Amino acid sequence: MDSQTSTPSSEQQLNAIVYGRVQGVGFRFFVLKNAVELGLKGWVRNLSGGMVEVLAEGSAESLQALLTALRRGPEPAYVREVKYHFSAATGSFSEFDIRF
């Protein structure tokens, strides 16, 4: 899942799972803020195993910037690992939001 396959289209999709101390530290709101600033569409949610999942669509440049932010996280978080892959965008999102 840690591959970097790119597509020839201008829009791509990033699916990432973030491991570490990423729940209860404002991580989803951190992702939301960064994604909106980068003009991305999609969602972020907590997973039952203590991870955070991110699905974002947009330009390759913006997705790389989000990936950099995911690796850093907000101040109280500790990111141990980010597993991710890229695929073609589906175009099925109109905004970026937090899923509960």
Protein backbone atom coordinates (compact mmCIF):
# COMPACT_ATOMS: atom_id res chain seq x y z
CA MET A 1 0.00 0.00 0.00
CA ASP A 2 3.05 2.26 0.14
CA SER A 3 3.28 2.70 -3.61
CA GLN A 4 3.31 5.78 -5.74
CA THR A 5 1.43 4.95 -8.90
CA SER A 6 0.49 8.03 -10.85
CA THR A 7 -2.13 8.52 -13.51
CA PRO A 8 -1.99 10.71 -16.59
CA SER A 9 -5.10 12.66 -15.55
CA SER A 10 -4.66 16.00 -13.81
CA GLU A 11 -6.70 14.87 -10.79
CA GLN A 12 -5.62 12.01 -8.55
CA GLN A 13 -6.88 10.30 -5.42
CA LEU A 14 -4.81 9.71 -2.29
CA ASN A 15 -5.87 7.03 0.17
CA ALA A 16 -3.80 7.10 3.35
CA ILE A 17 -3.83 5.38 6.73
CA VAL A 18 -1.97 7.24 9.48
CA TYR A 19 -0.54 5.23 12.40
CA GLY A 20 0.66 6.49 15.77
CA ARG A 21 -0.92 8.74 18.40
CA VAL A 22 -3.40 10.29 15.97
CA GLN A 23 -6.74 10.08 17.78
CA GLY A 24 -7.80 12.48 20.49
CA VAL A 25 -5.18 15.05 19.41
CA GLY A 26 -7.13 17.08 16.82
CA PHE A 27 -5.70 15.14 13.89
CA ARG A 28 -8.92 15.07 11.84
CA PHE A 29 -9.37 18.84 12.20
CA PHE A 30 -5.71 19.33 11.25
CA VAL A 31 -6.31 17.26 8.09
CA LEU A 32 -9.53 19.15 7.31
CA LYS A 33 -7.79 22.53 7.61
CA ASN A 34 -4.88 21.47 5.40
CA ALA A 35 -7.09 19.79 2.79
CA VAL A 36 -9.39 22.82 2.48
CA GLU A 37 -6.39 25.18 2.19
CA LEU A 38 -5.01 22.95 -0.59
CA GLY A 39 -8.35 22.87 -2.43
CA LEU A 40 -8.81 19.12 -1.98
CA LYS A 41 -12.06 17.17 -1.81
CA GLY A 42 -12.77 13.99 0.15
CA TRP A 43 -12.87 13.01 3.81
CA VAL A 44 -11.00 12.01 6.95
CA ARG A 45 -12.17 9.62 9.68
CA ASN A 46 -10.98 7.71 12.74
CA LEU A 47 -10.63 3.95 12.43
CA SER A 48 -11.43 1.56 15.26
CA GLY A 49 -7.80 0.43 15.62
CA GLY A 50 -6.56 3.90 16.59
CA MET A 51 -5.57 4.97 13.09
CA VAL A 52 -6.87 7.80 10.90
CA GLU A 53 -7.93 7.23 7.29
CA VAL A 54 -7.78 9.97 4.66
CA LEU A 55 -9.28 9.91 1.18
CA ALA A 56 -8.51 13.04 -0.81
CA GLU A 57 -8.78 14.08 -4.44
CA GLY A 58 -7.07 16.91 -6.26
CA SER A 59 -3.90 17.83 -8.09
CA ALA A 60 -0.79 15.70 -7.60
CA GLU A 61 1.02 18.71 -6.14
CA SER A 62 -1.71 19.37 -3.55
CA LEU A 63 -1.91 15.70 -2.61
CA GLN A 64 1.87 15.58 -2.06
CA ALA A 65 1.57 18.64 0.18
CA LEU A 66 -1.19 16.91 2.18
CA LEU A 67 0.95 13.78 2.47
CA THR A 68 3.78 15.90 3.89
CA ALA A 69 1.33 17.37 6.43
CA LEU A 70 0.06 13.89 7.35
CA ARG A 71 3.60 12.78 8.15
CA ARG A 72 4.05 15.81 10.43
CA GLY A 73 0.62 15.95 12.11
CA PRO A 74 -0.54 18.57 14.62
CA GLU A 75 1.59 19.46 17.67
CA PRO A 76 0.26 16.85 20.18
CA ALA A 77 0.22 13.99 17.66
CA TYR A 78 2.93 11.42 17.06
CA VAL A 79 2.90 9.97 13.53
CA ARG A 80 4.67 6.61 13.41
CA GLU A 81 3.87 5.67 9.81
CA VAL A 82 1.72 6.70 6.84
CA LYS A 83 0.73 3.98 4.39
CA TYR A 84 -0.72 5.33 1.19
CA HIS A 85 -1.42 4.82 -2.47
CA PHE A 86 -2.49 6.98 -5.38
CA SER A 87 -5.15 6.17 -7.95
CA ALA A 88 -7.32 7.97 -10.46
CA ALA A 89 -9.76 10.48 -8.99
CA THR A 90 -13.43 9.54 -9.03
CA GLY A 91 -14.75 13.09 -8.94
CA SER A 92 -17.48 12.02 -6.53
CA PHE A 93 -16.77 14.57 -3.76
CA SER A 94 -17.93 18.18 -3.63
CA GLU A 95 -16.01 19.20 -0.49
CA PHE A 96 -13.69 17.90 2.20
CA ASP A 97 -15.27 16.83 5.47
CA ILE A 98 -14.88 14.80 8.62
CA ARG A 99 -16.72 11.48 8.73
CA PHE A 100 -17.87 10.16 12.06
